[in-house]
Amino acid sequence: MEWSDARRKGLDIAVSEAACHGIDLDPDAASIRLHLEVLSLPPEGPEPSHRRVTLVFGRVGRVAVSLRAQKWDDLEATVFPLDLETLPQTVTSYGDPELHGWEFFDLPDSCWTQWRELLSLDTHLGDGDRAHLFEMSLQEGIDPRELDVRFWFDELTVLDDTGAEIPVDDFIAGGQRWWDAHDHSDPRTRIDWVAPPL
């Protein structure tokens, strides 16, 4: 299913500065579950006490990952091997970091030119092209280790922390409300890891 530019941008906003709490892969079902703590506000009232959601990506066709380290004086990056079984523990080894960057969905091929030749894992879970892709990057402060994950998929479902489905449009709206409130210095958006508006 094709997405409008507004939906794609809305999804990017909804996961911006989200804390990553892990990833689960089911190769047999060709699905990936990404556990996040997102920045979201309801239409009215205080900020929610629970911001955890799970993004369920269905009909995943390909998973490409680069785990590498490069110090300032290294001529080339060191690439570490991975497989689907070790990827979840590698993600959790970063703690609960925020997703790096501001764009995640349906990025052009040019966005991974720096690491597409430095792959630790490149696996196909099904034949044929997929309609969408998701890419995330995790970093460790001054540690030179960096993890980039990109996968191609057809279906997206959002679940709350009870496992109930959140309509994608509602998920997007909650993130847009948070960032709009942030831009207007709303006290509900004062969070240590997010810089205040200029």
N, C-alpha and C. Protein backbone atom coordinates (compact mmCIF):
# COMPACT_ATOMS: atom_id res chain seq x y z
N MET A 1 0.84 -1.18 0.00
CA MET A 1 0.00 0.00 0.00
C MET A 1 0.88 1.24 0.00
N GLU A 2 0.59 2.15 -0.90
CA GLU A 2 1.36 3.39 -0.98
C GLU A 2 0.98 4.34 0.15
N TRP A 3 1.95 5.10 0.61
CA TRP A 3 1.72 6.10 1.64
C TRP A 3 1.87 7.49 1.03
N SER A 4 1.07 8.42 1.53
CA SER A 4 1.25 9.81 1.14
C SER A 4 2.48 10.37 1.83
N ASP A 5 2.98 11.49 1.30
CA ASP A 5 4.13 12.14 1.94
C ASP A 5 3.78 12.58 3.36
N ALA A 6 2.52 12.98 3.57
CA ALA A 6 2.10 13.41 4.90
C ALA A 6 2.14 12.25 5.89
N ARG A 7 1.72 11.07 5.46
CA ARG A 7 1.77 9.92 6.38
C ARG A 7 3.20 9.54 6.68
N ARG A 8 4.03 9.53 5.69
CA ARG A 8 5.44 9.17 5.89
C ARG A 8 6.11 10.17 6.85
N LYS A 9 5.87 11.45 6.63
CA LYS A 9 6.44 12.47 7.51
C LYS A 9 5.86 12.34 8.92
N GLY A 10 4.57 12.04 9.01
CA GLY A 10 3.95 11.87 10.32
C GLY A 10 4.54 10.71 11.10
N LEU A 11 4.83 9.61 10.41
CA LEU A 11 5.46 8.47 11.08
C LEU A 11 6.87 8.82 11.55
N ASP A 12 7.59 9.56 10.73
CA ASP A 12 8.93 10.02 11.15
C ASP A 12 8.84 10.83 12.43
N ILE A 13 7.89 11.76 12.49
CA ILE A 13 7.72 12.60 13.67
C ILE A 13 7.34 11.75 14.88
N ALA A 14 6.48 10.76 14.67
CA ALA A 14 5.97 9.96 15.78
C ALA A 14 7.06 9.13 16.46
N VAL A 15 8.13 8.79 15.73
CA VAL A 15 9.20 8.00 16.35
C VAL A 15 10.47 8.83 16.61
N SER A 16 10.44 10.11 16.30
CA SER A 16 11.62 10.95 16.55
C SER A 16 11.94 11.01 18.04
N GLU A 17 13.21 10.83 18.36
CA GLU A 17 13.71 10.85 19.74
C GLU A 17 13.11 9.73 20.59
N ALA A 18 12.56 8.71 19.96
CA ALA A 18 12.03 7.58 20.72
C ALA A 18 13.18 6.77 21.31
N ALA A 19 12.98 6.26 22.51
CA ALA A 19 13.96 5.37 23.13
C ALA A 19 13.69 3.95 22.66
N CYS A 20 14.75 3.27 22.26
CA CYS A 20 14.62 1.91 21.74
C CYS A 20 14.80 0.91 22.89
N HIS A 21 13.78 0.09 23.13
CA HIS A 21 13.82 -0.89 24.20
C HIS A 21 13.97 -2.32 23.69
N GLY A 22 14.32 -2.47 22.42
CA GLY A 22 14.59 -3.81 21.92
C GLY A 22 13.88 -4.12 20.62
N ILE A 23 14.29 -5.23 20.04
CA ILE A 23 13.74 -5.68 18.77
C ILE A 23 13.60 -7.20 18.82
N ASP A 24 12.51 -7.71 18.25
CA ASP A 24 12.27 -9.14 18.15
C ASP A 24 12.03 -9.48 16.69
N LEU A 25 12.62 -10.60 16.25
CA LEU A 25 12.46 -11.03 14.87
C LEU A 25 11.85 -12.42 14.83
N ASP A 26 10.93 -12.61 13.91
CA ASP A 26 10.33 -13.92 13.67
C ASP A 26 10.50 -14.24 12.19
N PRO A 27 11.61 -14.89 11.82
CA PRO A 27 11.86 -15.16 10.40
C PRO A 27 10.77 -16.00 9.75
N ASP A 28 10.21 -16.96 10.50
CA ASP A 28 9.18 -17.82 9.91
C ASP A 28 7.93 -17.03 9.53
N ALA A 29 7.59 -16.05 10.37
CA ALA A 29 6.42 -15.21 10.08
C ALA A 29 6.79 -13.98 9.27
N ALA A 30 8.08 -13.80 8.98
CA ALA A 30 8.57 -12.63 8.25
C ALA A 30 8.09 -11.34 8.91
N SER A 31 8.28 -11.26 10.24
CA SER A 31 7.84 -10.08 10.97
C SER A 31 8.92 -9.61 11.93
N ILE A 32 8.86 -8.32 12.25
CA ILE A 32 9.78 -7.70 13.19
C ILE A 32 8.96 -6.85 14.15
N ARG A 33 9.28 -6.95 15.44
CA ARG A 33 8.64 -6.12 16.46
C ARG A 33 9.70 -5.19 17.05
N LEU A 34 9.45 -3.90 16.97
CA LEU A 34 10.37 -2.89 17.49
C LEU A 34 9.70 -2.22 18.68
N HIS A 35 10.35 -2.31 19.85
CA HIS A 35 9.78 -1.79 21.09
C HIS A 35 10.36 -0.41 21.38
N LEU A 36 9.48 0.59 21.47
CA LEU A 36 9.90 1.97 21.61
C LEU A 36 9.16 2.65 22.75
N GLU A 37 9.81 3.67 23.31
CA GLU A 37 9.14 4.60 24.19
C GLU A 37 9.08 5.93 23.45
N VAL A 38 7.89 6.30 23.01
CA VAL A 38 7.74 7.43 22.11
C VAL A 38 7.30 8.68 22.86
N LEU A 39 7.43 9.82 22.21
CA LEU A 39 6.98 11.10 22.74
C LEU A 39 5.60 11.37 22.15
N SER A 40 4.59 11.37 23.01
CA SER A 40 3.22 11.48 22.54
C SER A 40 2.36 12.18 23.59
N LEU A 41 1.36 12.92 23.13
CA LEU A 41 0.41 13.57 24.02
C LEU A 41 -1.01 13.25 23.58
N PRO A 42 -1.92 13.10 24.54
CA PRO A 42 -3.33 12.91 24.19
C PRO A 42 -3.95 14.22 23.73
N PRO A 43 -5.17 14.18 23.18
CA PRO A 43 -5.81 15.44 22.75
C PRO A 43 -5.99 16.43 23.89
N GLU A 44 -6.21 15.91 25.10
CA GLU A 44 -6.39 16.78 26.27
C GLU A 44 -5.74 16.11 27.48
N GLY A 45 -5.40 16.95 28.48
CA GLY A 45 -4.93 16.41 29.74
C GLY A 45 -3.43 16.27 29.83
N PRO A 46 -2.95 15.64 30.92
CA PRO A 46 -1.52 15.51 31.16
C PRO A 46 -0.86 14.49 30.23
N GLU A 47 0.45 14.49 30.27
CA GLU A 47 1.18 13.53 29.46
C GLU A 47 0.89 12.12 29.98
N PRO A 48 0.91 11.11 29.10
CA PRO A 48 0.62 9.75 29.54
C PRO A 48 1.73 9.21 30.43
N SER A 49 1.35 8.34 31.37
CA SER A 49 2.35 7.73 32.25
C SER A 49 3.11 6.63 31.54
N HIS A 50 2.53 6.06 30.49
CA HIS A 50 3.20 5.00 29.73
C HIS A 50 3.25 5.43 28.26
N ARG A 51 4.45 5.46 27.74
CA ARG A 51 4.63 5.85 26.35
C ARG A 51 5.15 4.70 25.49
N ARG A 52 5.16 3.50 26.04
CA ARG A 52 5.74 2.38 25.30
C ARG A 52 4.77 1.86 24.25
N VAL A 53 5.30 1.64 23.08
CA VAL A 53 4.54 1.06 21.98
C VAL A 53 5.42 0.00 21.30
N THR A 54 4.77 -0.84 20.52
CA THR A 54 5.47 -1.81 19.69
C THR A 54 5.06 -1.60 18.25
N LEU A 55 6.03 -1.37 17.39
CA LEU A 55 5.77 -1.30 15.96
C LEU A 55 5.95 -2.71 15.40
N VAL A 56 4.90 -3.24 14.81
CA VAL A 56 4.94 -4.58 14.23
C VAL A 56 5.02 -4.44 12.71
N PHE A 57 6.14 -4.85 12.15
CA PHE A 57 6.36 -4.78 10.71
C PHE A 57 6.07 -6.17 10.12
N GLY A 58 5.11 -6.23 9.20
CA GLY A 58 4.72 -7.50 8.61
C GLY A 58 5.19 -7.65 7.17
N ARG A 59 5.26 -8.89 6.73
CA ARG A 59 5.75 -9.22 5.38
C ARG A 59 7.11 -8.57 5.13
N VAL A 60 8.02 -8.79 6.07
CA VAL A 60 9.40 -8.27 5.91
C VAL A 60 10.10 -9.11 4.85
N GLY A 61 10.72 -8.43 3.92
CA GLY A 61 11.37 -9.13 2.82
C GLY A 61 12.88 -9.24 2.96
N ARG A 62 13.50 -8.24 3.56
CA ARG A 62 14.96 -8.23 3.65
C ARG A 62 15.38 -7.47 4.90
N VAL A 63 16.45 -7.93 5.53
CA VAL A 63 17.02 -7.26 6.71
C VAL A 63 18.51 -7.05 6.45
N ALA A 64 18.96 -5.81 6.52
CA ALA A 64 20.38 -5.48 6.35
C ALA A 64 20.86 -4.72 7.57
N VAL A 65 22.01 -5.14 8.11
CA VAL A 65 22.51 -4.55 9.36
C VAL A 65 24.01 -4.32 9.24
N SER A 66 24.48 -3.22 9.79
CA SER A 66 25.91 -2.95 9.90
C SER A 66 26.26 -2.63 11.35
N LEU A 67 27.09 -3.46 11.95
CA LEU A 67 27.63 -3.20 13.28
C LEU A 67 29.12 -2.98 13.10
N ARG A 68 29.59 -1.78 13.40
CA ARG A 68 30.97 -1.45 13.08
C ARG A 68 31.52 -0.47 14.11
N ALA A 69 32.83 -0.38 14.13
CA ALA A 69 33.50 0.58 15.01
C ALA A 69 34.65 1.20 14.23
N GLN A 70 34.85 2.49 14.43
CA GLN A 70 35.95 3.18 13.76
C GLN A 70 36.40 4.35 14.62
N LYS A 71 37.60 4.24 15.18
CA LYS A 71 38.16 5.34 15.95
C LYS A 71 38.68 6.42 15.00
N TRP A 72 38.96 7.56 15.56
CA TRP A 72 39.33 8.70 14.73
C TRP A 72 40.58 8.43 13.91
N ASP A 73 41.48 7.56 14.41
CA ASP A 73 42.73 7.31 13.70
C ASP A 73 42.71 6.00 12.92
N ASP A 74 41.54 5.33 12.83
CA ASP A 74 41.43 4.11 12.03
C ASP A 74 41.21 4.46 10.57
N LEU A 75 41.97 3.81 9.70
CA LEU A 75 41.80 4.05 8.28
C LEU A 75 40.51 3.42 7.76
N GLU A 76 40.12 2.29 8.33
CA GLU A 76 38.91 1.60 7.92
C GLU A 76 38.14 1.15 9.14
N ALA A 77 36.84 1.03 8.97
CA ALA A 77 35.99 0.56 10.07
C ALA A 77 36.15 -0.95 10.26
N THR A 78 36.02 -1.39 11.50
CA THR A 78 35.96 -2.81 11.81
C THR A 78 34.50 -3.24 11.80
N VAL A 79 34.17 -4.22 10.98
CA VAL A 79 32.79 -4.69 10.85
C VAL A 79 32.67 -6.01 11.61
N PHE A 80 31.65 -6.08 12.48
CA PHE A 80 31.44 -7.27 13.30
C PHE A 80 30.32 -8.11 12.71
N PRO A 81 30.51 -9.43 12.64
CA PRO A 81 29.46 -10.28 12.07
C PRO A 81 28.26 -10.40 13.00
N LEU A 82 27.09 -10.55 12.41
CA LEU A 82 25.84 -10.73 13.14
C LEU A 82 24.97 -11.74 12.40
N ASP A 83 23.97 -12.28 13.11
CA ASP A 83 22.92 -13.05 12.46
C ASP A 83 21.59 -12.65 13.11
N LEU A 84 20.50 -13.19 12.61
CA LEU A 84 19.19 -12.80 13.12
C LEU A 84 19.02 -13.14 14.59
N GLU A 85 19.68 -14.20 15.05
CA GLU A 85 19.54 -14.60 16.45
C GLU A 85 20.28 -13.66 17.39
N THR A 86 21.39 -13.10 16.96
CA THR A 86 22.18 -12.24 17.85
C THR A 86 21.82 -10.76 17.72
N LEU A 87 21.02 -10.39 16.70
CA LEU A 87 20.66 -8.98 16.54
C LEU A 87 19.90 -8.42 17.74
N PRO A 88 18.89 -9.13 18.30
CA PRO A 88 18.17 -8.56 19.44
C PRO A 88 19.07 -8.23 20.63
N GLN A 89 20.01 -9.12 20.99
CA GLN A 89 20.87 -8.83 22.13
C GLN A 89 21.86 -7.73 21.80
N THR A 90 22.22 -7.58 20.54
CA THR A 90 23.08 -6.47 20.14
C THR A 90 22.36 -5.15 20.32
N VAL A 91 21.10 -5.08 19.94
CA VAL A 91 20.31 -3.86 20.13
C VAL A 91 20.20 -3.51 21.60
N THR A 92 19.87 -4.49 22.45
CA THR A 92 19.71 -4.22 23.88
C THR A 92 21.04 -3.88 24.55
N SER A 93 22.17 -4.25 23.94
CA SER A 93 23.47 -3.93 24.54
C SER A 93 23.74 -2.43 24.54
N TYR A 94 22.97 -1.67 23.79
CA TYR A 94 23.13 -0.21 23.78
C TYR A 94 22.37 0.45 24.93
N GLY A 95 21.69 -0.33 25.76
CA GLY A 95 20.88 0.25 26.82
C GLY A 95 19.52 0.62 26.24
N ASP A 96 19.07 1.82 26.51
CA ASP A 96 17.80 2.32 25.97
C ASP A 96 18.05 3.62 25.22
N PRO A 97 18.83 3.56 24.15
CA PRO A 97 19.21 4.81 23.47
C PRO A 97 18.07 5.38 22.65
N GLU A 98 18.17 6.69 22.38
CA GLU A 98 17.21 7.30 21.48
C GLU A 98 17.61 6.97 20.03
N LEU A 99 16.60 6.83 19.19
CA LEU A 99 16.88 6.61 17.78
C LEU A 99 17.60 7.83 17.23
N HIS A 100 18.67 7.59 16.50
CA HIS A 100 19.49 8.67 15.97
C HIS A 100 18.90 9.14 14.64
N GLY A 101 18.68 10.45 14.52
CA GLY A 101 18.19 11.00 13.27
C GLY A 101 16.74 11.44 13.36
N TRP A 102 16.23 11.94 12.22
CA TRP A 102 14.87 12.46 12.17
C TRP A 102 14.03 11.81 11.08
N GLU A 103 14.63 10.99 10.25
CA GLU A 103 13.89 10.34 9.17
C GLU A 103 14.17 8.84 9.25
N PHE A 104 13.10 8.04 9.13
CA PHE A 104 13.20 6.60 9.35
C PHE A 104 12.48 5.77 8.30
N PHE A 105 11.44 6.30 7.72
CA PHE A 105 10.59 5.52 6.82
C PHE A 105 10.82 5.89 5.36
N ASP A 106 10.93 4.85 4.53
CA ASP A 106 11.00 5.00 3.07
C ASP A 106 12.09 5.97 2.64
N LEU A 107 13.26 5.81 3.22
CA LEU A 107 14.40 6.64 2.85
C LEU A 107 14.95 6.23 1.48
N PRO A 108 15.54 7.16 0.75
CA PRO A 108 16.15 6.79 -0.54
C PRO A 108 17.41 5.96 -0.34
N ASP A 109 17.81 5.26 -1.39
CA ASP A 109 19.01 4.43 -1.32
C ASP A 109 20.25 5.23 -0.95
N SER A 110 20.27 6.51 -1.30
CA SER A 110 21.45 7.32 -1.02
C SER A 110 21.71 7.47 0.47
N CYS A 111 20.70 7.19 1.32
CA CYS A 111 20.86 7.37 2.76
C CYS A 111 21.73 6.31 3.41
N TRP A 112 21.97 5.21 2.70
CA TRP A 112 22.83 4.20 3.34
C TRP A 112 24.10 3.93 2.54
N THR A 113 24.50 4.89 1.75
CA THR A 113 25.72 4.72 0.96
C THR A 113 26.95 4.56 1.84
N GLN A 114 26.94 5.15 3.05
CA GLN A 114 28.13 5.08 3.91
C GLN A 114 28.31 3.71 4.54
N TRP A 115 27.25 2.90 4.60
CA TRP A 115 27.41 1.61 5.28
C TRP A 115 26.90 0.40 4.50
N ARG A 116 26.35 0.59 3.32
CA ARG A 116 25.80 -0.55 2.58
C ARG A 116 26.88 -1.53 2.14
N GLU A 117 28.13 -1.10 2.11
CA GLU A 117 29.23 -2.01 1.78
C GLU A 117 29.91 -2.55 3.04
N LEU A 118 29.37 -2.24 4.20
CA LEU A 118 29.95 -2.67 5.48
C LEU A 118 28.93 -3.49 6.27
N LEU A 119 28.34 -4.48 5.62
CA LEU A 119 27.23 -5.21 6.21
C LEU A 119 27.71 -6.35 7.12
N SER A 120 27.09 -6.41 8.28
CA SER A 120 27.30 -7.52 9.20
C SER A 120 26.29 -8.62 8.95
N LEU A 121 25.16 -8.26 8.35
CA LEU A 121 24.06 -9.18 8.12
C LEU A 121 23.25 -8.67 6.94
N ASP A 122 22.90 -9.57 6.04
CA ASP A 122 22.05 -9.23 4.90
C ASP A 122 21.25 -10.48 4.56
N THR A 123 19.99 -10.52 4.99
CA THR A 123 19.17 -11.71 4.89
C THR A 123 17.85 -11.41 4.20
N HIS A 124 17.43 -12.30 3.33
CA HIS A 124 16.13 -12.20 2.67
C HIS A 124 15.17 -13.18 3.33
N LEU A 125 14.00 -12.66 3.73
CA LEU A 125 12.98 -13.49 4.35
C LEU A 125 11.86 -13.84 3.38
N GLY A 126 11.92 -13.29 2.20
CA GLY A 126 10.90 -13.57 1.20
C GLY A 126 11.31 -13.00 -0.14
N ASP A 127 10.67 -13.48 -1.19
CA ASP A 127 10.99 -13.03 -2.54
C ASP A 127 10.19 -11.78 -2.90
N GLY A 128 10.68 -11.05 -3.87
CA GLY A 128 9.96 -9.89 -4.37
C GLY A 128 10.24 -8.62 -3.60
N ASP A 129 9.79 -7.52 -4.19
CA ASP A 129 9.99 -6.21 -3.57
C ASP A 129 8.95 -5.97 -2.49
N ARG A 130 9.27 -5.04 -1.60
CA ARG A 130 8.35 -4.62 -0.57
C ARG A 130 8.04 -3.14 -0.75
N ALA A 131 6.88 -2.71 -0.25
CA ALA A 131 6.40 -1.35 -0.51
C ALA A 131 7.14 -0.30 0.31
N HIS A 132 7.66 -0.70 1.49
CA HIS A 132 8.22 0.30 2.41
C HIS A 132 9.51 -0.20 3.04
N LEU A 133 10.22 0.74 3.66
CA LEU A 133 11.40 0.36 4.42
C LEU A 133 11.49 1.22 5.67
N PHE A 134 12.20 0.68 6.65
CA PHE A 134 12.46 1.39 7.89
C PHE A 134 13.95 1.29 8.17
N GLU A 135 14.54 2.39 8.63
CA GLU A 135 15.96 2.40 8.96
C GLU A 135 16.18 3.11 10.28
N MET A 136 17.01 2.53 11.14
CA MET A 136 17.34 3.19 12.39
C MET A 136 18.83 3.05 12.65
N SER A 137 19.35 3.98 13.45
CA SER A 137 20.76 4.00 13.80
C SER A 137 20.89 4.19 15.30
N LEU A 138 21.75 3.39 15.93
CA LEU A 138 22.02 3.51 17.35
C LEU A 138 23.50 3.80 17.55
N GLN A 139 23.79 4.71 18.48
CA GLN A 139 25.17 5.08 18.76
C GLN A 139 25.39 5.10 20.26
N GLU A 140 26.67 5.07 20.67
CA GLU A 140 27.02 4.97 22.08
C GLU A 140 27.90 6.14 22.54
N GLY A 141 27.40 7.34 22.42
CA GLY A 141 28.16 8.47 22.93
C GLY A 141 29.54 8.55 22.30
N ILE A 142 30.57 8.51 23.14
CA ILE A 142 31.94 8.60 22.63
C ILE A 142 32.47 7.25 22.19
N ASP A 143 31.75 6.17 22.43
CA ASP A 143 32.16 4.85 21.97
C ASP A 143 32.05 4.82 20.44
N PRO A 144 33.05 4.29 19.75
CA PRO A 144 33.01 4.32 18.28
C PRO A 144 32.07 3.29 17.66
N ARG A 145 31.42 2.43 18.48
CA ARG A 145 30.56 1.40 17.93
C ARG A 145 29.24 1.99 17.45
N GLU A 146 28.83 1.62 16.25
CA GLU A 146 27.59 2.14 15.66
C GLU A 146 26.83 0.99 15.02
N LEU A 147 25.50 1.03 15.19
CA LEU A 147 24.63 -0.01 14.63
C LEU A 147 23.61 0.64 13.72
N ASP A 148 23.56 0.20 12.47
CA ASP A 148 22.55 0.65 11.52
C ASP A 148 21.73 -0.56 11.10
N VAL A 149 20.42 -0.39 11.10
CA VAL A 149 19.49 -1.47 10.74
C VAL A 149 18.53 -0.94 9.69
N ARG A 150 18.36 -1.69 8.62
CA ARG A 150 17.40 -1.32 7.56
C ARG A 150 16.65 -2.57 7.16
N PHE A 151 15.32 -2.46 7.09
CA PHE A 151 14.54 -3.60 6.59
C PHE A 151 13.37 -3.12 5.76
N TRP A 152 12.98 -3.99 4.84
CA TRP A 152 11.93 -3.71 3.88
C TRP A 152 10.68 -4.50 4.27
N PHE A 153 9.50 -3.87 4.20
CA PHE A 153 8.29 -4.50 4.70
C PHE A 153 7.08 -4.01 3.92
N ASP A 154 5.94 -4.67 4.16
CA ASP A 154 4.69 -4.27 3.51
C ASP A 154 3.64 -3.76 4.49
N GLU A 155 3.66 -4.25 5.73
CA GLU A 155 2.57 -3.96 6.67
C GLU A 155 3.12 -3.36 7.95
N LEU A 156 2.35 -2.43 8.54
CA LEU A 156 2.73 -1.81 9.81
C LEU A 156 1.53 -1.76 10.74
N THR A 157 1.73 -2.28 11.96
CA THR A 157 0.72 -2.22 13.01
C THR A 157 1.37 -1.63 14.25
N VAL A 158 0.63 -0.80 14.98
CA VAL A 158 1.13 -0.19 16.21
C VAL A 158 0.32 -0.73 17.38
N LEU A 159 1.01 -1.20 18.42
CA LEU A 159 0.37 -1.73 19.61
C LEU A 159 0.77 -0.90 20.83
N ASP A 160 -0.16 -0.71 21.77
CA ASP A 160 0.19 -0.03 23.01
C ASP A 160 0.80 -1.03 23.99
N ASP A 161 1.08 -0.58 25.22
CA ASP A 161 1.79 -1.44 26.16
C ASP A 161 0.93 -2.57 26.71
N THR A 162 -0.36 -2.58 26.37
CA THR A 162 -1.23 -3.70 26.76
C THR A 162 -1.41 -4.68 25.60
N GLY A 163 -0.88 -4.35 24.44
CA GLY A 163 -1.05 -5.19 23.26
C GLY A 163 -2.23 -4.80 22.40
N ALA A 164 -2.95 -3.75 22.79
CA ALA A 164 -4.09 -3.28 22.00
C ALA A 164 -3.59 -2.46 20.81
N GLU A 165 -4.27 -2.59 19.70
CA GLU A 165 -3.85 -1.88 18.49
C GLU A 165 -4.20 -0.40 18.57
N ILE A 166 -3.25 0.43 18.17
CA ILE A 166 -3.45 1.87 18.03
C ILE A 166 -3.58 2.18 16.54
N PRO A 167 -4.66 2.79 16.10
CA PRO A 167 -4.72 3.18 14.69
C PRO A 167 -3.51 4.04 14.32
N VAL A 168 -2.95 3.78 13.17
CA VAL A 168 -1.73 4.49 12.77
C VAL A 168 -1.95 6.00 12.77
N ASP A 169 -3.12 6.44 12.33
CA ASP A 169 -3.39 7.88 12.32
C ASP A 169 -3.39 8.46 13.73
N ASP A 170 -3.91 7.70 14.72
CA ASP A 170 -3.89 8.17 16.11
C ASP A 170 -2.46 8.22 16.64
N PHE A 171 -1.66 7.23 16.27
CA PHE A 171 -0.25 7.20 16.66
C PHE A 171 0.48 8.43 16.13
N ILE A 172 0.25 8.73 14.88
CA ILE A 172 0.87 9.91 14.26
C ILE A 172 0.41 11.19 14.95
N ALA A 173 -0.89 11.28 15.22
CA ALA A 173 -1.43 12.50 15.83
C ALA A 173 -0.85 12.75 17.21
N GLY A 174 -0.63 11.68 17.99
CA GLY A 174 -0.04 11.85 19.32
C GLY A 174 1.37 12.41 19.25
N GLY A 175 2.15 11.93 18.30
CA GLY A 175 3.50 12.46 18.14
C GLY A 175 3.51 13.89 17.65
N GLN A 176 2.62 14.21 16.72
CA GLN A 176 2.55 15.58 16.22
C GLN A 176 2.13 16.54 17.32
N ARG A 177 1.20 16.11 18.18
CA ARG A 177 0.78 16.96 19.29
C ARG A 177 1.95 17.22 20.23
N TRP A 178 2.77 16.19 20.49
CA TRP A 178 3.90 16.37 21.42
C TRP A 178 4.89 17.40 20.86
N TRP A 179 5.25 17.25 19.61
CA TRP A 179 6.25 18.16 19.05
C TRP A 179 5.70 19.56 18.86
N ASP A 180 4.42 19.67 18.55
CA ASP A 180 3.82 21.01 18.48
C ASP A 180 3.83 21.66 19.85
N ALA A 181 3.50 20.88 20.90
CA ALA A 181 3.54 21.42 22.26
C ALA A 181 4.96 21.78 22.66
N HIS A 182 5.92 20.97 22.26
CA HIS A 182 7.32 21.25 22.54
C HIS A 182 7.74 22.58 21.93
N ASP A 183 7.33 22.80 20.69
CA ASP A 183 7.70 24.04 20.00
C ASP A 183 7.08 25.27 20.66
N HIS A 184 6.03 25.06 21.45
CA HIS A 184 5.37 26.17 22.16
C HIS A 184 5.70 26.16 23.65
N SER A 185 6.81 25.47 24.00
CA SER A 185 7.33 25.45 25.38
C SER A 185 6.32 24.92 26.40
N ASP A 186 5.52 23.97 25.98
CA ASP A 186 4.56 23.33 26.89
C ASP A 186 5.33 22.58 27.97
N PRO A 187 5.05 22.81 29.26
CA PRO A 187 5.80 22.13 30.32
C PRO A 187 5.67 20.61 30.30
N ARG A 188 4.65 20.09 29.63
CA ARG A 188 4.50 18.64 29.54
C ARG A 188 5.60 18.00 28.69
N THR A 189 6.34 18.80 27.95
CA THR A 189 7.37 18.27 27.05
C THR A 189 8.78 18.51 27.58
N ARG A 190 8.90 18.83 28.85
CA ARG A 190 10.25 19.02 29.43
C ARG A 190 10.83 17.66 29.78
N ILE A 191 11.74 17.20 28.92
CA ILE A 191 12.37 15.90 29.09
C ILE A 191 13.87 16.10 28.97
N ASP A 192 14.62 15.41 29.82
CA ASP A 192 16.07 15.64 29.92
C ASP A 192 16.78 15.50 28.57
N TRP A 193 16.41 14.50 27.79
CA TRP A 193 17.20 14.21 26.59
C TRP A 193 16.74 14.97 25.35
N VAL A 194 15.70 15.83 25.49
CA VAL A 194 15.22 16.62 24.35
C VAL A 194 15.50 18.08 24.63
N ALA A 195 16.24 18.71 23.74
CA ALA A 195 16.58 20.13 23.92
C ALA A 195 15.33 21.00 23.84
N PRO A 196 15.27 22.07 24.64
CA PRO A 196 14.12 22.98 24.58
C PRO A 196 14.12 23.71 23.24
N PRO A 197 12.97 24.27 22.86
CA PRO A 197 12.91 25.00 21.58
C PRO A 197 13.78 26.24 21.62
N LEU A 198 14.24 26.62 20.45
CA LEU A 198 15.09 27.81 20.35
C LEU A 198 14.26 29.06 20.60
